[in-house]
Amino acid sequence: MSGIKQNPGLYKIVVTHYVVAAFCFLILSVMMLFSVKAFTGHYFHPQILAITHMAALGWGTMIILGASYQLIPVVLETELYSEKLAWMSFALFMPGLTALVYSFWVFVPGIHMQSGAILLLLAVLLFTINVYLTAKKKKQETIQEDFIFSACICLCLTAALGAALVFNFTLLIFPQDQLHFLKLHAHMGLIGWFLLMLIGVSSKLVPMFLVSSYQNTKLLTYSYYLIIGALLYFLVDSYLFGLSLRTYLIFTIGAAGITCYFIFIVKCLRSRLRKHIDLPMMNSFMSFILLKIATLTVPFIIYFHLKNNPVTIRFSMIYGEFMLMGWITALILGQTFKTLPFIVWVKHYEHLTGKFKTPMPAELFAENLLKAQTVSYLIFCLTFMPGCYLLFLPLIYIGIAMLMVTAMLYLSNIFTVLFHKTVTYGKL
């Protein structure tokens, strides 16, 4: 990452996204506290819809957009096309998110919900244009570029279908049931946007952070085409016929793609030059375990759905929780303190010469806060997920309380990085 060229404009847009996402994470945990009973019911519940969109957009997508403005130029080895487009996207995204989440929470379909959906669609379109024009400046194409741009296209399609579903509440655009399209909307977001984007970026950053000598991208190529193939097959087949025995085949294809990515990560791990694995990377590896658990719930969802067993609703809830609050959240909680300290370090210290004692990026965040955050988050996973499956309210309450602690520790550490004391580093 030494090739990053920082400038004040880029730094401000990136940090703004990180800070706003951290506050959204805290708000998300408070929303969950006021919706405990909703987690024991159906996922198509106003409060669950509001929480899901806050988690997916305000927390997950917000921080990925911010990190992307810094990291995509690193992955693609070129400069970001436009900071103005980034600010315009953010200016549309925030009111869109607020209007949509509030409208779902009180569940009043209409102009506010529709306006929120349209603003979010415009925001992600501007982000995608920015990424495309950034990638266009680079001549040599990489598999990471394929992952990233495909993810952006899926994000746009997810937002477009989401907007159509919002209008469908009042205009009846679709003849089929709303839930028929909800699973398409959800999987375009979870698999098409989050999975493809996070694989694309992490497949470049993980070897970099581990100082790995493994350079072969053949496994990533297999992963890309298997996941894309499974996603397209699922969208078409599920739209036309719903879940069927063919869905098992689709799942197998997608799982094979994820497995190829896991094997790539393991090979990077084994060939690493840096033997010590720090706490942020441990959080990241924990997220891969949570992704695997989420993946293993899918065959149960298919099986119980085909049997018309209502237990499928439980497994669908658990699947969504392991994806959003498990895999995606754990990855963000870890990678934030690999990326943000470096971004701050580049701004404040990269220009200093050997005449100064400069801190390393890892010295900019509070290790004790990160340890406490990791422990509280682990307790959340070990209480909230089982509590939701067993419909046991005390476990759900404990889990959400631990998530609130995690969010507060995370936010505190964000500010620790941003407002660290620079005066302590003087001349040698």
Protein backbone atom coordinates (compact mmCIF):
# COMPACT_ATOMS: atom_id res chain seq x y z
CA MET A 1 0.00 0.00 0.00
CA SER A 2 3.01 2.22 -0.09
CA GLY A 3 1.96 3.50 -3.51
CA ILE A 4 -1.07 5.35 -2.13
CA LYS A 5 -1.13 9.02 -2.99
CA GLN A 6 -3.11 10.84 -0.34
CA ASN A 7 -4.68 14.27 -0.69
CA PRO A 8 -6.92 16.26 1.67
CA GLY A 9 -10.06 15.80 -0.43
CA LEU A 10 -9.77 12.02 -0.63
CA TYR A 11 -8.90 11.76 3.07
CA LYS A 12 -12.02 13.74 4.08
CA ILE A 13 -14.47 11.67 2.02
CA VAL A 14 -12.99 8.38 3.26
CA VAL A 15 -12.97 9.39 6.94
CA THR A 16 -16.50 10.81 6.68
CA HIS A 17 -17.78 7.42 5.53
CA TYR A 18 -15.97 5.59 8.33
CA VAL A 19 -17.34 7.90 11.04
CA VAL A 20 -20.92 7.89 9.71
CA ALA A 21 -20.84 4.09 9.37
CA ALA A 22 -19.63 3.79 12.99
CA PHE A 23 -22.57 5.91 14.20
CA CYS A 24 -24.95 3.86 12.02
CA PHE A 25 -23.57 0.72 13.69
CA LEU A 26 -24.38 2.16 17.12
CA ILE A 27 -27.87 3.25 15.97
CA LEU A 28 -28.37 -0.24 14.52
CA SER A 29 -27.66 -1.86 17.88
CA VAL A 30 -30.16 0.50 19.59
CA MET A 31 -32.79 -0.32 16.96
CA MET A 32 -32.24 -4.02 17.66
CA LEU A 33 -32.74 -3.41 21.39
CA PHE A 34 -36.21 -1.97 20.70
CA SER A 35 -37.09 -4.87 18.38
CA VAL A 36 -36.18 -7.96 20.41
CA LYS A 37 -39.55 -9.70 19.98
CA ALA A 38 -39.46 -9.08 16.22
CA PHE A 39 -36.47 -11.45 15.98
CA THR A 40 -38.71 -14.32 17.07
CA GLY A 41 -41.17 -13.79 14.21
CA HIS A 42 -41.12 -13.54 10.40
CA TYR A 43 -38.33 -11.70 8.59
CA PHE A 44 -40.94 -9.69 6.63
CA HIS A 45 -41.63 -7.48 9.66
CA PRO A 46 -41.42 -3.66 9.55
CA GLN A 47 -38.76 -3.43 12.26
CA ILE A 48 -36.73 -6.32 10.80
CA LEU A 49 -36.87 -4.64 7.37
CA ALA A 50 -35.67 -1.36 8.90
CA ILE A 51 -32.86 -3.09 10.83
CA THR A 52 -31.80 -5.13 7.78
CA HIS A 53 -31.52 -2.03 5.61
CA MET A 54 -29.67 -0.11 8.31
CA ALA A 55 -27.23 -3.02 8.63
CA ALA A 56 -26.82 -3.55 4.88
CA LEU A 57 -26.73 0.12 3.83
CA GLY A 58 -25.86 2.32 6.80
CA TRP A 59 -23.29 -0.06 8.26
CA GLY A 60 -21.98 -2.50 5.63
CA THR A 61 -22.36 -0.53 2.39
CA MET A 62 -21.45 2.85 3.90
CA ILE A 63 -18.08 1.66 5.16
CA ILE A 64 -17.37 -0.32 1.98
CA LEU A 65 -18.06 2.77 -0.14
CA GLY A 66 -15.73 4.86 2.02
CA ALA A 67 -12.97 2.25 2.08
CA SER A 68 -13.39 1.73 -1.67
CA TYR A 69 -12.44 5.31 -2.46
CA GLN A 70 -9.08 4.61 -0.81
CA LEU A 71 -8.60 0.91 -1.57
CA ILE A 72 -9.93 0.51 -5.13
CA PRO A 73 -7.21 2.83 -6.47
CA VAL A 74 -4.73 0.62 -4.56
CA VAL A 75 -6.21 -2.63 -5.92
CA LEU A 76 -6.42 -1.25 -9.46
CA GLU A 77 -3.12 0.66 -9.13
CA THR A 78 -4.50 3.97 -10.35
CA GLU A 79 -5.99 7.19 -8.93
CA LEU A 80 -9.67 7.70 -8.09
CA TYR A 81 -11.47 9.30 -11.01
CA SER A 82 -13.46 11.93 -9.11
CA GLU A 83 -13.78 13.12 -5.51
CA LYS A 84 -16.76 15.30 -6.51
CA LEU A 85 -18.70 12.23 -7.65
CA ALA A 86 -17.88 10.61 -4.29
CA TRP A 87 -19.29 13.58 -2.36
CA MET A 88 -22.37 13.74 -4.59
CA SER A 89 -22.99 10.04 -3.98
CA PHE A 90 -22.69 10.55 -0.20
CA ALA A 91 -25.00 13.60 -0.31
CA LEU A 92 -27.70 11.47 -1.98
CA PHE A 93 -27.03 8.34 0.09
CA MET A 94 -27.58 9.83 3.58
CA PRO A 95 -31.08 11.33 3.12
CA GLY A 96 -32.04 8.26 1.10
CA LEU A 97 -30.95 5.94 3.91
CA THR A 98 -32.71 8.03 6.56
CA ALA A 99 -36.01 8.19 4.64
CA LEU A 100 -36.00 4.49 3.76
CA VAL A 101 -35.12 3.16 7.22
CA TYR A 102 -37.60 5.45 8.99
CA SER A 103 -40.37 4.55 6.52
CA PHE A 104 -39.77 0.84 7.08
CA TRP A 105 -39.67 1.29 10.87
CA VAL A 106 -43.10 3.02 11.00
CA PHE A 107 -44.11 1.15 7.84
CA VAL A 108 -45.79 3.91 5.92
CA PRO A 109 -45.34 3.11 2.20
CA GLY A 110 -45.57 6.22 0.10
CA ILE A 111 -43.63 9.26 -0.99
CA HIS A 112 -40.98 9.17 1.78
CA MET A 113 -40.14 5.51 1.25
CA GLN A 114 -40.13 5.98 -2.53
CA SER A 115 -37.95 9.11 -2.35
CA GLY A 116 -35.48 7.27 -0.11
CA ALA A 117 -35.25 4.37 -2.55
CA ILE A 118 -34.70 6.68 -5.54
CA LEU A 119 -32.01 8.71 -3.74
CA LEU A 120 -30.17 5.50 -2.80
CA LEU A 121 -30.37 4.25 -6.38
CA LEU A 122 -28.90 7.52 -7.69
CA ALA A 123 -26.14 7.37 -5.04
CA VAL A 124 -25.00 3.85 -5.98
CA LEU A 125 -25.18 4.72 -9.69
CA LEU A 126 -22.76 7.61 -9.12
CA PHE A 127 -20.48 5.31 -7.10
CA THR A 128 -20.50 2.73 -9.91
CA ILE A 129 -19.73 5.37 -12.55
CA ASN A 130 -16.82 6.55 -10.41
CA VAL A 131 -15.45 3.01 -10.08
CA TYR A 132 -15.87 2.33 -13.80
CA LEU A 133 -14.10 5.52 -14.84
CA THR A 134 -11.33 4.77 -12.31
CA ALA A 135 -10.85 1.25 -13.70
CA LYS A 136 -10.96 2.55 -17.28
CA LYS A 137 -7.75 4.52 -16.62
CA LYS A 138 -5.93 1.23 -16.07
CA LYS A 139 -4.89 -0.76 -19.15
CA GLN A 140 -4.19 -4.20 -17.69
CA GLU A 141 -7.29 -6.03 -16.42
CA THR A 142 -7.13 -8.20 -13.28
CA ILE A 143 -9.51 -10.69 -11.69
CA GLN A 144 -9.91 -8.29 -8.75
CA GLU A 145 -11.22 -5.71 -11.19
CA ASP A 146 -13.79 -8.25 -12.47
CA PHE A 147 -14.94 -8.94 -8.90
CA ILE A 148 -15.21 -5.25 -8.01
CA PHE A 149 -17.02 -4.02 -11.11
CA SER A 150 -19.41 -7.00 -11.13
CA ALA A 151 -20.17 -6.19 -7.49
CA CYS A 152 -20.97 -2.58 -8.41
CA ILE A 153 -23.33 -3.71 -11.17
CA CYS A 154 -25.07 -6.03 -8.69
CA LEU A 155 -25.35 -3.15 -6.20
CA CYS A 156 -27.12 -1.05 -8.84
CA LEU A 157 -29.46 -3.93 -9.75
CA THR A 158 -30.16 -4.57 -6.05
CA ALA A 159 -31.03 -0.90 -5.51
CA ALA A 160 -33.17 -0.82 -8.68
CA LEU A 161 -35.15 -3.92 -7.69
CA GLY A 162 -35.46 -2.56 -4.15
CA ALA A 163 -36.89 0.70 -5.50
CA ALA A 164 -39.35 -1.25 -7.65
CA LEU A 165 -40.44 -3.28 -4.61
CA VAL A 166 -40.98 -0.06 -2.65
CA PHE A 167 -43.20 1.35 -5.42
CA ASN A 168 -44.96 -2.03 -5.61
CA PHE A 169 -46.47 -1.41 -2.17
CA THR A 170 -48.77 1.23 -3.69
CA LEU A 171 -48.67 0.75 -7.48
CA LEU A 172 -48.69 -3.07 -7.80
CA ILE A 173 -45.90 -3.26 -10.39
CA PHE A 174 -45.35 -7.00 -9.95
CA PRO A 175 -48.11 -9.60 -10.39
CA GLN A 176 -46.35 -12.05 -8.06
CA ASP A 177 -46.16 -11.95 -4.29
CA GLN A 178 -43.71 -9.41 -2.76
CA LEU A 179 -41.78 -12.22 -1.02
CA HIS A 180 -41.12 -13.85 -4.41
CA PHE A 181 -38.87 -10.91 -5.35
CA LEU A 182 -37.53 -10.30 -1.86
CA LYS A 183 -35.21 -13.34 -2.02
CA LEU A 184 -33.89 -12.13 -5.40
CA HIS A 185 -33.29 -8.67 -3.95
CA ALA A 186 -31.58 -10.12 -0.87
CA HIS A 187 -29.25 -12.44 -2.78
CA MET A 188 -28.27 -9.83 -5.35
CA GLY A 189 -27.22 -7.73 -2.37
CA LEU A 190 -25.57 -10.38 -0.19
CA ILE A 191 -23.88 -12.45 -2.90
CA GLY A 192 -23.71 -10.05 -5.83
CA TRP A 193 -22.67 -6.93 -3.93
CA PHE A 194 -21.10 -7.89 -0.62
CA LEU A 195 -19.50 -11.25 -1.46
CA LEU A 196 -18.05 -10.21 -4.84
CA MET A 197 -16.79 -6.85 -3.55
CA LEU A 198 -15.26 -8.24 -0.37
CA ILE A 199 -13.56 -11.10 -2.23
CA GLY A 200 -12.24 -8.67 -4.85
CA VAL A 201 -10.74 -6.28 -2.31
CA SER A 202 -9.64 -8.81 0.34
CA SER A 203 -7.91 -11.05 -2.23
CA LYS A 204 -5.54 -8.14 -2.80
CA LEU A 205 -5.26 -6.84 0.76
CA VAL A 206 -4.98 -10.09 2.75
CA PRO A 207 -1.79 -11.21 0.93
CA MET A 208 -0.49 -7.65 1.33
CA PHE A 209 -1.15 -7.52 5.08
CA LEU A 210 0.25 -11.04 5.61
CA VAL A 211 3.27 -10.26 3.39
CA SER A 212 2.46 -13.43 1.45
CA SER A 213 4.55 -14.67 -1.46
CA TYR A 214 1.57 -16.47 -3.03
CA GLN A 215 0.72 -14.72 -6.31
CA ASN A 216 -1.30 -17.28 -8.31
CA THR A 217 -4.82 -15.95 -9.09
CA LYS A 218 -6.16 -19.08 -10.83
CA LEU A 219 -8.24 -20.01 -7.76
CA LEU A 220 -9.74 -16.52 -7.76
CA THR A 221 -10.70 -16.91 -11.41
CA TYR A 222 -12.46 -20.20 -10.62
CA SER A 223 -14.14 -18.52 -7.64
CA TYR A 224 -15.38 -15.60 -9.75
CA TYR A 225 -16.99 -17.66 -12.50
CA LEU A 226 -18.50 -20.23 -10.11
CA ILE A 227 -20.09 -17.55 -7.91
CA ILE A 228 -21.30 -15.45 -10.85
CA GLY A 229 -22.66 -18.59 -12.56
CA ALA A 230 -24.47 -19.72 -9.41
CA LEU A 231 -25.93 -16.24 -8.82
CA LEU A 232 -27.26 -15.88 -12.38
CA TYR A 233 -28.62 -19.44 -12.35
CA PHE A 234 -30.34 -18.78 -9.01
CA LEU A 235 -31.89 -15.47 -10.12
CA VAL A 236 -33.35 -16.93 -13.31
CA ASP A 237 -34.42 -20.30 -11.89
CA SER A 238 -35.83 -18.85 -8.68
CA TYR A 239 -37.77 -16.17 -10.57
CA LEU A 240 -39.32 -18.68 -12.98
CA PHE A 241 -39.85 -21.70 -10.71
CA GLY A 242 -39.06 -20.75 -7.11
CA LEU A 243 -36.93 -22.99 -4.90
CA SER A 244 -36.68 -26.56 -6.17
CA LEU A 245 -34.32 -29.54 -6.16
CA ARG A 246 -32.22 -27.60 -8.70
CA THR A 247 -31.47 -25.09 -5.95
CA TYR A 248 -29.23 -27.72 -4.33
CA LEU A 249 -27.14 -27.77 -7.53
CA ILE A 250 -27.00 -23.97 -7.57
CA PHE A 251 -25.89 -23.97 -3.94
CA THR A 252 -23.16 -26.54 -4.72
CA ILE A 253 -21.80 -24.38 -7.57
CA GLY A 254 -21.75 -21.26 -5.38
CA ALA A 255 -20.23 -23.13 -2.43
CA ALA A 256 -17.48 -24.41 -4.74
CA GLY A 257 -16.71 -20.79 -5.67
CA ILE A 258 -16.49 -19.74 -2.02
CA THR A 259 -14.30 -22.79 -1.31
CA CYS A 260 -11.86 -21.72 -4.04
CA TYR A 261 -11.60 -18.34 -2.31
CA PHE A 262 -11.02 -20.01 1.08
CA ILE A 263 -8.26 -22.18 -0.43
CA PHE A 264 -6.64 -19.03 -1.86
CA ILE A 265 -6.71 -17.42 1.62
CA VAL A 266 -5.22 -20.57 3.21
CA LYS A 267 -2.40 -20.63 0.63
CA CYS A 268 -1.67 -16.97 1.39
CA LEU A 269 -1.66 -17.80 5.10
CA ARG A 270 0.78 -20.69 4.67
CA SER A 271 3.17 -18.71 2.48
CA ARG A 272 3.19 -15.59 4.66
CA LEU A 273 6.49 -14.01 5.64
CA ARG A 274 4.94 -12.24 8.63
CA LYS A 275 4.39 -15.13 11.05
CA HIS A 276 2.60 -13.11 13.73
CA ILE A 277 -1.13 -12.65 13.02
CA ASP A 278 -2.42 -9.50 14.70
CA LEU A 279 -5.86 -8.98 16.24
CA PRO A 280 -7.44 -7.17 13.24
CA MET A 281 -6.48 -10.11 11.00
CA MET A 282 -7.80 -12.57 13.61
CA ASN A 283 -11.16 -10.75 13.39
CA SER A 284 -11.02 -11.12 9.62
CA PHE A 285 -10.35 -14.86 9.82
CA MET A 286 -13.22 -15.18 12.31
CA SER A 287 -15.47 -13.59 9.68
CA PHE A 288 -14.57 -16.35 7.21
CA ILE A 289 -15.72 -18.95 9.78
CA LEU A 290 -19.03 -17.08 10.17
CA LEU A 291 -19.41 -17.01 6.36
CA LYS A 292 -18.91 -20.78 6.31
CA ILE A 293 -21.58 -21.27 9.00
CA ALA A 294 -23.99 -19.05 7.04
CA THR A 295 -23.31 -21.08 3.90
CA LEU A 296 -24.01 -24.36 5.73
CA THR A 297 -27.52 -23.15 6.71
CA VAL A 298 -28.60 -22.87 3.05
CA PRO A 299 -29.29 -26.62 2.44
CA PHE A 300 -31.56 -26.61 5.52
CA ILE A 301 -33.48 -23.59 4.14
CA ILE A 302 -33.99 -25.39 0.83
CA TYR A 303 -34.96 -28.70 2.49
CA PHE A 304 -37.55 -27.23 4.88
CA HIS A 305 -38.93 -24.93 2.17
CA LEU A 306 -39.56 -27.89 -0.14
CA LYS A 307 -41.28 -29.68 2.77
CA ASN A 308 -43.42 -26.56 3.42
CA ASN A 309 -42.10 -26.60 6.97
CA PRO A 310 -42.35 -23.22 8.76
CA VAL A 311 -38.93 -23.92 10.33
CA THR A 312 -37.52 -22.53 7.08
CA ILE A 313 -38.36 -19.03 8.40
CA ARG A 314 -36.08 -19.65 11.42
CA PHE A 315 -33.22 -20.80 9.22
CA SER A 316 -33.73 -17.86 6.83
CA MET A 317 -33.46 -15.45 9.77
CA ILE A 318 -30.32 -17.18 11.04
CA TYR A 319 -28.81 -17.13 7.53
CA GLY A 320 -29.36 -13.37 7.22
CA GLU A 321 -27.98 -12.74 10.71
CA PHE A 322 -24.84 -14.78 10.09
CA MET A 323 -24.29 -12.95 6.79
CA LEU A 324 -24.94 -9.36 7.92
CA MET A 325 -24.21 -9.35 11.65
CA GLY A 326 -21.71 -12.22 11.44
CA TRP A 327 -19.50 -12.40 8.36
CA ILE A 328 -19.79 -8.79 7.10
CA THR A 329 -19.68 -7.20 10.56
CA ALA A 330 -16.70 -9.27 11.76
CA LEU A 331 -14.76 -8.46 8.60
CA ILE A 332 -15.43 -4.73 8.99
CA LEU A 333 -14.58 -4.77 12.72
CA GLY A 334 -11.19 -6.28 11.89
CA GLN A 335 -10.26 -4.61 8.63
CA THR A 336 -11.17 -1.12 9.87
CA PHE A 337 -8.09 -1.21 12.09
CA LYS A 338 -5.88 -2.38 9.23
CA THR A 339 -7.10 0.22 6.72
CA LEU A 340 -8.08 3.35 8.68
CA PRO A 341 -4.81 3.61 10.69
CA PHE A 342 -2.85 3.33 7.45
CA ILE A 343 -5.00 6.01 5.78
CA VAL A 344 -4.38 8.34 8.75
CA TRP A 345 -0.69 7.40 8.81
CA VAL A 346 -0.31 8.28 5.12
CA LYS A 347 -1.83 11.71 5.73
CA HIS A 348 0.22 12.60 8.82
CA TYR A 349 3.49 10.68 8.65
CA GLU A 350 4.40 9.40 5.19
CA HIS A 351 6.20 12.65 4.31
CA LEU A 352 8.42 12.55 7.42
CA THR A 353 12.08 11.65 7.02
CA GLY A 354 14.28 9.41 9.14
CA LYS A 355 15.11 12.39 11.37
CA PHE A 356 11.74 11.86 13.09
CA LYS A 357 10.47 9.05 15.27
CA THR A 358 7.22 8.19 13.48
CA PRO A 359 4.55 5.77 14.79
CA MET A 360 3.55 2.71 12.83
CA PRO A 361 -0.11 2.45 11.68
CA ALA A 362 -0.71 -0.31 14.28
CA GLU A 363 0.24 2.16 17.03
CA LEU A 364 -2.55 4.58 16.14
CA PHE A 365 -5.45 2.53 17.54
CA ALA A 366 -5.97 1.37 21.15
CA GLU A 367 -5.11 -2.33 21.42
CA ASN A 368 -7.06 -2.69 24.69
CA LEU A 369 -10.22 -1.28 23.08
CA LEU A 370 -9.86 -3.68 20.16
CA LYS A 371 -9.41 -6.64 22.53
CA ALA A 372 -12.52 -5.65 24.48
CA GLN A 373 -14.41 -5.14 21.21
CA THR A 374 -13.43 -8.61 20.01
CA VAL A 375 -14.54 -10.24 23.27
CA SER A 376 -17.90 -8.41 23.36
CA TYR A 377 -18.53 -9.26 19.71
CA LEU A 378 -17.74 -12.95 20.33
CA ILE A 379 -20.24 -12.98 23.21
CA PHE A 380 -22.79 -11.37 20.87
CA CYS A 381 -22.33 -14.17 18.33
CA LEU A 382 -22.50 -16.89 20.98
CA THR A 383 -25.71 -15.54 22.52
CA PHE A 384 -27.71 -13.66 19.87
CA MET A 385 -27.57 -16.27 17.07
CA PRO A 386 -28.57 -19.24 19.30
CA GLY A 387 -31.16 -17.03 21.04
CA CYS A 388 -32.85 -16.21 17.74
CA TYR A 389 -32.91 -19.86 16.69
CA LEU A 390 -34.22 -21.08 20.06
CA LEU A 391 -36.62 -18.10 20.39
CA PHE A 392 -35.10 -17.48 23.85
CA LEU A 393 -35.46 -13.78 24.70
CA PRO A 394 -32.87 -13.57 27.54
CA LEU A 395 -30.10 -14.74 25.18
CA ILE A 396 -31.24 -12.23 22.54
CA TYR A 397 -31.15 -9.41 25.10
CA ILE A 398 -27.65 -10.39 26.26
CA GLY A 399 -26.46 -10.58 22.65
CA ILE A 400 -27.82 -7.15 21.73
CA ALA A 401 -26.36 -5.61 24.90
CA MET A 402 -22.97 -7.01 23.87
CA LEU A 403 -23.44 -5.63 20.36
CA MET A 404 -24.10 -2.17 21.81
CA VAL A 405 -20.88 -2.47 23.82
CA THR A 406 -19.06 -3.56 20.64
CA ALA A 407 -20.45 -0.57 18.72
CA MET A 408 -19.40 1.90 21.46
CA LEU A 409 -15.89 0.42 21.68
CA TYR A 410 -15.59 0.48 17.88
CA LEU A 411 -16.69 4.13 17.68
CA SER A 412 -14.29 5.09 20.50
CA ASN A 413 -11.40 3.43 18.70
CA ILE A 414 -12.30 5.16 15.44
CA PHE A 415 -11.92 8.51 17.22
CA THR A 416 -8.74 7.28 18.91
CA VAL A 417 -7.23 6.74 15.45
CA LEU A 418 -8.49 10.03 14.02
CA PHE A 419 -7.49 12.21 17.02
CA HIS A 420 -4.31 10.46 18.15
CA LYS A 421 -1.65 12.67 19.69
CA THR A 422 0.91 13.68 17.09
CA VAL A 423 2.94 15.89 19.45
CA THR A 424 4.46 12.87 21.22
CA TYR A 425 6.54 11.97 18.18
CA GLY A 426 9.54 14.28 18.10
CA LYS A 427 13.05 14.18 16.74
CA LEU A 428 15.32 11.25 17.61
